Amino acid sequence: MGTSGVRADGMVLDSTGIEVPVKHALRAAAERTCLLATADKFPGSGLLPVCPITELDVVITTAAPGVAPLPELAGANTEVLFA
């Protein structure tokens, strides 16, 4: 799934209210959840919380490895792939 942004505390956000319940349903039905987020999404904008980034299985990003909250994922079960 995509995102409008990820706060420094790791909350994945969205700006489109109709997409948030869809993302919740997708996460509930999926075996694995992946987030695709370019570097400009850290931090990014967005008004509506989707989920904590630590609840995702994979984050694929163009952001630098030291950008918050990516270092905090080192101890979590979330795999981070840098594109």
N, C-alpha and C. Protein backbone atom coordinates (compact mmCIF):
# COMPACT_ATOMS: atom_id res chain seq x y z
N MET A 1 0.83 -1.17 0.00
CA MET A 1 0.00 0.00 0.00
C MET A 1 0.88 1.23 0.00
N GLY A 2 0.31 2.33 -0.40
CA GLY A 2 1.00 3.60 -0.38
C GLY A 2 0.61 4.40 0.84
N THR A 3 1.16 5.59 0.96
CA THR A 3 0.90 6.44 2.11
C THR A 3 1.05 7.90 1.73
N SER A 4 0.36 8.75 2.46
CA SER A 4 0.56 10.19 2.31
C SER A 4 1.81 10.62 3.07
N GLY A 5 2.14 9.86 4.09
CA GLY A 5 3.32 10.17 4.87
C GLY A 5 3.43 9.27 6.08
N VAL A 6 4.61 9.31 6.68
CA VAL A 6 4.88 8.56 7.91
C VAL A 6 5.46 9.55 8.90
N ARG A 7 4.81 9.68 10.06
CA ARG A 7 5.32 10.58 11.10
C ARG A 7 6.60 10.01 11.69
N ALA A 8 7.35 10.86 12.37
CA ALA A 8 8.59 10.43 13.01
C ALA A 8 8.35 9.37 14.07
N ASP A 9 7.13 9.34 14.66
CA ASP A 9 6.82 8.31 15.65
C ASP A 9 6.41 6.99 15.01
N GLY A 10 6.38 6.94 13.67
CA GLY A 10 6.11 5.69 12.97
C GLY A 10 4.67 5.47 12.56
N MET A 11 3.80 6.43 12.76
CA MET A 11 2.41 6.26 12.35
C MET A 11 2.30 6.50 10.85
N VAL A 12 1.75 5.52 10.15
CA VAL A 12 1.49 5.64 8.71
C VAL A 12 0.19 6.42 8.56
N LEU A 13 0.22 7.43 7.68
CA LEU A 13 -0.91 8.33 7.52
C LEU A 13 -1.48 8.30 6.11
N ASP A 14 -2.72 8.75 5.99
CA ASP A 14 -3.35 8.92 4.69
C ASP A 14 -4.18 10.19 4.73
N SER A 15 -4.38 10.79 3.58
CA SER A 15 -5.16 12.02 3.47
C SER A 15 -6.55 11.78 2.90
N THR A 16 -6.79 10.62 2.36
CA THR A 16 -8.06 10.31 1.71
C THR A 16 -8.88 9.42 2.63
N GLY A 17 -9.92 10.00 3.20
CA GLY A 17 -10.73 9.28 4.18
C GLY A 17 -11.33 7.99 3.69
N ILE A 18 -11.69 7.92 2.44
CA ILE A 18 -12.31 6.71 1.90
C ILE A 18 -11.31 5.56 1.77
N GLU A 19 -10.02 5.88 1.70
CA GLU A 19 -9.00 4.84 1.54
C GLU A 19 -8.60 4.18 2.85
N VAL A 20 -8.77 4.87 3.97
CA VAL A 20 -8.33 4.31 5.25
C VAL A 20 -9.06 3.01 5.59
N PRO A 21 -10.40 2.95 5.52
CA PRO A 21 -11.05 1.66 5.81
C PRO A 21 -10.68 0.57 4.80
N VAL A 22 -10.41 0.95 3.57
CA VAL A 22 -9.97 -0.03 2.57
C VAL A 22 -8.61 -0.59 2.96
N LYS A 23 -7.72 0.25 3.41
CA LYS A 23 -6.39 -0.21 3.83
C LYS A 23 -6.50 -1.10 5.06
N HIS A 24 -7.40 -0.77 5.98
CA HIS A 24 -7.62 -1.63 7.15
C HIS A 24 -8.11 -3.01 6.71
N ALA A 25 -9.03 -3.05 5.76
CA ALA A 25 -9.56 -4.32 5.26
C ALA A 25 -8.48 -5.11 4.53
N LEU A 26 -7.67 -4.44 3.75
CA LEU A 26 -6.58 -5.11 3.04
C LEU A 26 -5.59 -5.73 4.02
N ARG A 27 -5.25 -4.98 5.05
CA ARG A 27 -4.32 -5.50 6.05
C ARG A 27 -4.90 -6.71 6.77
N ALA A 28 -6.19 -6.66 7.07
CA ALA A 28 -6.83 -7.77 7.78
C ALA A 28 -6.88 -9.03 6.93
N ALA A 29 -7.01 -8.88 5.62
CA ALA A 29 -7.13 -10.03 4.73
C ALA A 29 -5.78 -10.54 4.20
N ALA A 30 -4.76 -9.75 4.31
CA ALA A 30 -3.47 -10.08 3.69
C ALA A 30 -2.63 -11.01 4.57
N GLU A 31 -1.84 -11.83 3.90
CA GLU A 31 -0.86 -12.65 4.61
C GLU A 31 0.36 -11.81 4.99
N ARG A 32 0.72 -10.89 4.13
CA ARG A 32 1.85 -9.97 4.37
C ARG A 32 1.43 -8.58 3.93
N THR A 33 1.87 -7.58 4.67
CA THR A 33 1.56 -6.20 4.30
C THR A 33 2.84 -5.45 4.00
N CYS A 34 2.80 -4.72 2.89
CA CYS A 34 3.97 -3.96 2.43
C CYS A 34 3.59 -2.49 2.26
N LEU A 35 4.52 -1.62 2.59
CA LEU A 35 4.34 -0.19 2.39
C LEU A 35 5.38 0.28 1.39
N LEU A 36 4.93 1.00 0.37
CA LEU A 36 5.83 1.64 -0.58
C LEU A 36 5.82 3.11 -0.28
N ALA A 37 6.98 3.68 0.06
CA ALA A 37 7.04 5.09 0.46
C ALA A 37 8.35 5.71 -0.02
N THR A 38 8.23 6.73 -0.87
CA THR A 38 9.42 7.44 -1.34
C THR A 38 9.99 8.30 -0.20
N ALA A 39 11.17 8.82 -0.41
CA ALA A 39 11.87 9.57 0.62
C ALA A 39 11.07 10.77 1.13
N ASP A 40 10.28 11.39 0.27
CA ASP A 40 9.53 12.58 0.69
C ASP A 40 8.37 12.25 1.63
N LYS A 41 8.14 11.00 1.90
CA LYS A 41 7.07 10.59 2.82
C LYS A 41 7.56 10.51 4.27
N PHE A 42 8.84 10.76 4.50
CA PHE A 42 9.44 10.69 5.84
C PHE A 42 10.03 12.03 6.23
N PRO A 43 9.44 12.86 7.02
CA PRO A 43 8.05 12.76 7.40
C PRO A 43 7.18 13.26 6.27
N GLY A 44 5.98 12.84 6.27
CA GLY A 44 5.05 13.25 5.23
C GLY A 44 3.79 13.80 5.85
N SER A 45 2.93 14.24 5.01
CA SER A 45 1.67 14.79 5.50
C SER A 45 0.61 13.71 5.51
N GLY A 46 -0.47 14.03 6.12
CA GLY A 46 -1.59 13.11 6.21
C GLY A 46 -2.33 13.38 7.50
N LEU A 47 -3.61 13.24 7.46
CA LEU A 47 -4.43 13.54 8.63
C LEU A 47 -4.96 12.31 9.35
N LEU A 48 -5.07 11.23 8.62
CA LEU A 48 -5.75 10.05 9.16
C LEU A 48 -4.77 8.91 9.42
N PRO A 49 -4.75 8.39 10.64
CA PRO A 49 -3.85 7.27 10.93
C PRO A 49 -4.32 5.98 10.27
N VAL A 50 -3.37 5.23 9.74
CA VAL A 50 -3.66 3.93 9.14
C VAL A 50 -3.19 2.82 10.09
N CYS A 51 -1.92 2.87 10.46
CA CYS A 51 -1.38 1.88 11.38
C CYS A 51 0.04 2.28 11.76
N PRO A 52 0.57 1.73 12.85
CA PRO A 52 1.98 1.93 13.15
C PRO A 52 2.83 1.18 12.13
N ILE A 53 3.94 1.76 11.75
CA ILE A 53 4.81 1.15 10.74
C ILE A 53 5.33 -0.21 11.21
N THR A 54 5.43 -0.41 12.52
CA THR A 54 5.91 -1.68 13.06
C THR A 54 4.93 -2.82 12.87
N GLU A 55 3.69 -2.52 12.48
CA GLU A 55 2.70 -3.58 12.21
C GLU A 55 2.77 -4.08 10.78
N LEU A 56 3.66 -3.52 9.97
CA LEU A 56 3.80 -3.94 8.58
C LEU A 56 4.91 -4.97 8.47
N ASP A 57 4.82 -5.81 7.45
CA ASP A 57 5.84 -6.83 7.26
C ASP A 57 7.05 -6.30 6.51
N VAL A 58 6.81 -5.42 5.53
CA VAL A 58 7.88 -4.92 4.68
C VAL A 58 7.65 -3.44 4.40
N VAL A 59 8.73 -2.66 4.44
CA VAL A 59 8.71 -1.26 4.00
C VAL A 59 9.73 -1.14 2.88
N ILE A 60 9.28 -0.68 1.72
CA ILE A 60 10.16 -0.46 0.58
C ILE A 60 10.23 1.04 0.38
N THR A 61 11.45 1.60 0.38
CA THR A 61 11.58 3.05 0.34
C THR A 61 12.84 3.50 -0.38
N THR A 62 12.82 4.76 -0.81
CA THR A 62 14.01 5.41 -1.36
C THR A 62 14.66 6.30 -0.32
N ALA A 63 14.11 6.33 0.90
CA ALA A 63 14.65 7.16 1.98
C ALA A 63 16.00 6.62 2.44
N ALA A 64 16.80 7.50 3.02
CA ALA A 64 18.09 7.09 3.57
C ALA A 64 17.86 6.23 4.81
N PRO A 65 18.76 5.29 5.08
CA PRO A 65 18.57 4.38 6.21
C PRO A 65 18.42 5.07 7.57
N GLY A 66 18.96 6.26 7.76
CA GLY A 66 18.91 6.92 9.06
C GLY A 66 17.67 7.75 9.31
N VAL A 67 16.74 7.80 8.36
CA VAL A 67 15.56 8.63 8.50
C VAL A 67 14.58 7.98 9.49
N ALA A 68 14.10 8.79 10.45
CA ALA A 68 13.11 8.27 11.41
C ALA A 68 11.84 7.91 10.67
N PRO A 69 11.18 6.86 11.00
CA PRO A 69 11.42 5.89 12.08
C PRO A 69 12.15 4.64 11.61
N LEU A 70 12.83 4.69 10.49
CA LEU A 70 13.46 3.49 9.93
C LEU A 70 14.47 2.83 10.86
N PRO A 71 15.33 3.58 11.57
CA PRO A 71 16.27 2.89 12.48
C PRO A 71 15.57 2.09 13.58
N GLU A 72 14.40 2.57 14.02
CA GLU A 72 13.67 1.88 15.07
C GLU A 72 13.11 0.53 14.61
N LEU A 73 13.03 0.33 13.31
CA LEU A 73 12.51 -0.93 12.79
C LEU A 73 13.53 -2.06 12.89
N ALA A 74 14.77 -1.74 13.21
CA ALA A 74 15.82 -2.76 13.30
C ALA A 74 15.47 -3.84 14.31
N GLY A 75 14.80 -3.49 15.39
CA GLY A 75 14.44 -4.47 16.41
C GLY A 75 13.05 -5.05 16.19
N ALA A 76 12.34 -4.55 15.21
CA ALA A 76 10.99 -5.04 14.95
C ALA A 76 11.03 -6.16 13.92
N ASN A 77 9.89 -6.74 13.65
CA ASN A 77 9.79 -7.78 12.64
C ASN A 77 9.50 -7.21 11.25
N THR A 78 9.71 -5.93 11.07
CA THR A 78 9.45 -5.27 9.79
C THR A 78 10.73 -5.22 8.97
N GLU A 79 10.69 -5.80 7.80
CA GLU A 79 11.84 -5.79 6.89
C GLU A 79 11.85 -4.46 6.14
N VAL A 80 13.02 -3.85 6.03
CA VAL A 80 13.14 -2.59 5.28
C VAL A 80 14.03 -2.83 4.08
N LEU A 81 13.49 -2.50 2.89
CA LEU A 81 14.24 -2.63 1.64
C LEU A 81 14.45 -1.23 1.07
N PHE A 82 15.69 -0.92 0.74
CA PHE A 82 16.02 0.38 0.19
C PHE A 82 16.16 0.27 -1.33
N ALA A 83 15.36 1.05 -2.02
CA ALA A 83 15.35 1.00 -3.48
C ALA A 83 16.22 2.10 -4.06
